[in-house]
Amino acid sequence: MKSTFYHDGHYFDVADKIRDYINSSPEFLSQQTARSTRAVGDALESLLSEKFDAFLGDWCIGLGTDSNRELKQHQID
């Protein structure tokens, strides 16, 4: 069965929410942090993990906080 999350384009809405949230939070990245790709990744992870469930909405119902594998399975089902 194809995932409606991708085939119906719902991921575009999620991507838009994430982009808007990152753009509205410029203070999370300092000049020193911006020089390190690892530090940028860590800062983004920290920032996005705070509202990850809000970005996904109903797409993450029943998923735990450490659920990348579960999310992939949910998308396939």
N, C-alpha and C. Protein backbone atom coordinates (compact mmCIF):
# COMPACT_ATOMS: atom_id res chain seq x y z
N MET A 1 0.84 -1.17 0.00
CA MET A 1 0.00 0.00 0.00
C MET A 1 0.89 1.24 0.00
N LYS A 2 0.56 2.21 -0.83
CA LYS A 2 1.33 3.44 -0.91
C LYS A 2 0.98 4.36 0.25
N SER A 3 1.98 5.06 0.72
CA SER A 3 1.78 6.00 1.81
C SER A 3 1.10 7.26 1.30
N THR A 4 -0.03 7.60 1.89
CA THR A 4 -0.71 8.83 1.50
C THR A 4 0.05 10.06 1.97
N PHE A 5 0.91 9.88 2.95
CA PHE A 5 1.74 10.99 3.43
C PHE A 5 2.56 11.55 2.28
N TYR A 6 3.13 10.69 1.47
CA TYR A 6 3.94 11.13 0.32
C TYR A 6 3.10 11.27 -0.95
N HIS A 7 2.31 10.30 -1.27
CA HIS A 7 1.59 10.29 -2.54
C HIS A 7 0.49 11.34 -2.63
N ASP A 8 -0.03 11.76 -1.50
CA ASP A 8 -1.03 12.84 -1.50
C ASP A 8 -0.40 14.20 -1.21
N GLY A 9 0.92 14.23 -1.03
CA GLY A 9 1.62 15.50 -0.87
C GLY A 9 1.58 16.11 0.52
N HIS A 10 1.19 15.35 1.54
CA HIS A 10 1.12 15.90 2.89
C HIS A 10 2.49 16.34 3.41
N TYR A 11 3.53 15.71 2.91
CA TYR A 11 4.87 16.06 3.37
C TYR A 11 5.25 17.48 2.99
N PHE A 12 4.63 18.04 1.95
CA PHE A 12 4.89 19.44 1.60
C PHE A 12 4.42 20.37 2.71
N ASP A 13 3.25 20.07 3.29
CA ASP A 13 2.73 20.88 4.39
C ASP A 13 3.66 20.81 5.60
N VAL A 14 4.14 19.62 5.90
CA VAL A 14 5.07 19.44 7.02
C VAL A 14 6.36 20.21 6.76
N ALA A 15 6.88 20.09 5.56
CA ALA A 15 8.12 20.80 5.20
C ALA A 15 7.94 22.31 5.31
N ASP A 16 6.79 22.81 4.88
CA ASP A 16 6.51 24.25 5.00
C ASP A 16 6.48 24.70 6.45
N LYS A 17 5.84 23.91 7.32
CA LYS A 17 5.78 24.24 8.75
C LYS A 17 7.17 24.27 9.37
N ILE A 18 7.99 23.28 9.02
CA ILE A 18 9.35 23.21 9.55
C ILE A 18 10.18 24.39 9.06
N ARG A 19 10.11 24.68 7.77
CA ARG A 19 10.86 25.81 7.21
C ARG A 19 10.47 27.12 7.89
N ASP A 20 9.17 27.35 8.03
CA ASP A 20 8.69 28.59 8.66
C ASP A 20 9.15 28.69 10.11
N TYR A 21 9.13 27.57 10.82
CA TYR A 21 9.57 27.57 12.22
C TYR A 21 11.07 27.87 12.33
N ILE A 22 11.87 27.25 11.49
CA ILE A 22 13.31 27.51 11.52
C ILE A 22 13.59 28.97 11.17
N ASN A 23 12.92 29.49 10.15
CA ASN A 23 13.13 30.88 9.75
C ASN A 23 12.66 31.88 10.80
N SER A 24 11.73 31.47 11.65
CA SER A 24 11.26 32.38 12.69
C SER A 24 12.10 32.28 13.97
N SER A 25 13.11 31.42 13.95
CA SER A 25 13.95 31.20 15.14
C SER A 25 15.43 31.42 14.83
N PRO A 26 15.81 32.60 14.38
CA PRO A 26 17.21 32.80 13.98
C PRO A 26 18.19 32.78 15.15
N GLU A 27 17.72 33.00 16.37
CA GLU A 27 18.61 33.07 17.52
C GLU A 27 19.17 31.72 17.94
N PHE A 28 18.69 30.63 17.40
CA PHE A 28 19.18 29.31 17.82
C PHE A 28 20.56 29.01 17.24
N LEU A 29 21.01 29.80 16.28
CA LEU A 29 22.28 29.53 15.61
C LEU A 29 23.23 30.72 15.78
N SER A 30 24.32 30.50 16.52
CA SER A 30 25.31 31.57 16.71
C SER A 30 26.31 31.55 15.55
N GLN A 31 27.14 32.56 15.45
CA GLN A 31 28.17 32.58 14.40
C GLN A 31 29.14 31.42 14.55
N GLN A 32 29.48 31.09 15.79
CA GLN A 32 30.39 29.97 16.03
C GLN A 32 29.74 28.64 15.66
N THR A 33 28.48 28.49 16.00
CA THR A 33 27.76 27.27 15.67
C THR A 33 27.65 27.11 14.15
N ALA A 34 27.42 28.20 13.45
CA ALA A 34 27.24 28.15 12.00
C ALA A 34 28.50 27.68 11.27
N ARG A 35 29.63 27.73 11.91
CA ARG A 35 30.89 27.30 11.28
C ARG A 35 31.09 25.79 11.33
N SER A 36 30.28 25.10 12.07
CA SER A 36 30.42 23.66 12.23
C SER A 36 29.15 22.95 11.76
N THR A 37 29.26 22.11 10.75
CA THR A 37 28.07 21.40 10.26
C THR A 37 27.49 20.50 11.34
N ARG A 38 28.35 19.92 12.16
CA ARG A 38 27.84 19.06 13.24
C ARG A 38 27.07 19.89 14.27
N ALA A 39 27.60 21.05 14.61
CA ALA A 39 26.92 21.92 15.58
C ALA A 39 25.59 22.42 15.01
N VAL A 40 25.56 22.72 13.73
CA VAL A 40 24.31 23.15 13.09
C VAL A 40 23.29 22.02 13.16
N GLY A 41 23.72 20.81 12.84
CA GLY A 41 22.83 19.65 12.91
C GLY A 41 22.29 19.43 14.31
N ASP A 42 23.17 19.54 15.31
CA ASP A 42 22.74 19.39 16.70
C ASP A 42 21.74 20.48 17.09
N ALA A 43 22.00 21.71 16.66
CA ALA A 43 21.10 22.82 16.99
C ALA A 43 19.74 22.62 16.32
N LEU A 44 19.74 22.17 15.06
CA LEU A 44 18.47 21.92 14.37
C LEU A 44 17.70 20.78 15.03
N GLU A 45 18.42 19.73 15.40
CA GLU A 45 17.76 18.61 16.07
C GLU A 45 17.10 19.06 17.37
N SER A 46 17.82 19.85 18.13
CA SER A 46 17.28 20.34 19.40
C SER A 46 16.06 21.23 19.16
N LEU A 47 16.16 22.12 18.19
CA LEU A 47 15.07 23.04 17.89
C LEU A 47 13.83 22.29 17.40
N LEU A 48 14.01 21.36 16.47
CA LEU A 48 12.88 20.67 15.86
C LEU A 48 12.26 19.63 16.78
N SER A 49 13.06 19.04 17.65
CA SER A 49 12.52 18.00 18.54
C SER A 49 11.50 18.57 19.52
N GLU A 50 11.61 19.86 19.80
CA GLU A 50 10.67 20.51 20.71
C GLU A 50 9.25 20.50 20.17
N LYS A 51 9.09 20.54 18.84
CA LYS A 51 7.76 20.66 18.24
C LYS A 51 7.53 19.63 17.13
N PHE A 52 8.30 18.56 17.14
CA PHE A 52 8.21 17.59 16.06
C PHE A 52 6.80 17.03 15.90
N ASP A 53 6.16 16.72 17.02
CA ASP A 53 4.80 16.18 16.94
C ASP A 53 3.81 17.20 16.39
N ALA A 54 4.04 18.48 16.65
CA ALA A 54 3.17 19.52 16.11
C ALA A 54 3.32 19.64 14.60
N PHE A 55 4.53 19.44 14.10
CA PHE A 55 4.74 19.50 12.65
C PHE A 55 4.02 18.36 11.94
N LEU A 56 4.05 17.19 12.53
CA LEU A 56 3.44 16.02 11.89
C LEU A 56 1.95 15.89 12.16
N GLY A 57 1.48 16.49 13.23
CA GLY A 57 0.05 16.41 13.55
C GLY A 57 -0.40 14.97 13.73
N ASP A 58 -1.48 14.61 13.07
CA ASP A 58 -2.05 13.26 13.21
C ASP A 58 -1.15 12.18 12.62
N TRP A 59 -0.16 12.55 11.83
CA TRP A 59 0.72 11.55 11.24
C TRP A 59 1.61 10.88 12.27
N CYS A 60 1.73 11.44 13.45
CA CYS A 60 2.61 10.83 14.47
C CYS A 60 1.84 10.28 15.65
N ILE A 61 0.55 10.09 15.54
CA ILE A 61 -0.24 9.54 16.64
C ILE A 61 0.30 8.16 17.02
N GLY A 62 0.55 7.99 18.31
CA GLY A 62 1.02 6.70 18.81
C GLY A 62 2.51 6.48 18.70
N LEU A 63 3.24 7.47 18.25
CA LEU A 63 4.69 7.31 18.14
C LEU A 63 5.37 7.88 19.37
N GLY A 64 6.44 7.22 19.80
CA GLY A 64 7.21 7.68 20.94
C GLY A 64 8.18 8.77 20.54
N THR A 65 9.00 9.20 21.49
CA THR A 65 9.95 10.26 21.21
C THR A 65 11.14 9.77 20.38
N ASP A 66 11.47 8.49 20.46
CA ASP A 66 12.58 7.94 19.68
C ASP A 66 11.98 7.00 18.64
N SER A 67 11.39 7.57 17.59
CA SER A 67 10.52 6.75 16.75
C SER A 67 10.79 6.86 15.26
N ASN A 68 12.01 7.15 14.83
CA ASN A 68 12.27 7.22 13.40
C ASN A 68 11.88 5.93 12.71
N ARG A 69 12.25 4.82 13.30
CA ARG A 69 11.93 3.52 12.72
C ARG A 69 10.42 3.29 12.71
N GLU A 70 9.76 3.67 13.80
CA GLU A 70 8.31 3.51 13.89
C GLU A 70 7.62 4.40 12.88
N LEU A 71 8.12 5.63 12.67
CA LEU A 71 7.52 6.55 11.71
C LEU A 71 7.60 5.97 10.31
N LYS A 72 8.74 5.42 9.95
CA LYS A 72 8.88 4.82 8.63
C LYS A 72 7.88 3.69 8.46
N GLN A 73 7.70 2.87 9.49
CA GLN A 73 6.75 1.78 9.42
C GLN A 73 5.33 2.32 9.29
N HIS A 74 5.02 3.39 10.03
CA HIS A 74 3.69 4.00 9.98
C HIS A 74 3.40 4.52 8.57
N GLN A 75 4.41 5.09 7.91
CA GLN A 75 4.22 5.63 6.59
C GLN A 75 3.96 4.52 5.57
N ILE A 76 4.52 3.36 5.79
CA ILE A 76 4.35 2.23 4.88
C ILE A 76 2.98 1.61 5.03
N ASP A 77 2.49 1.55 6.27
CA ASP A 77 1.20 0.87 6.54
C ASP A 77 0.03 1.53 5.88
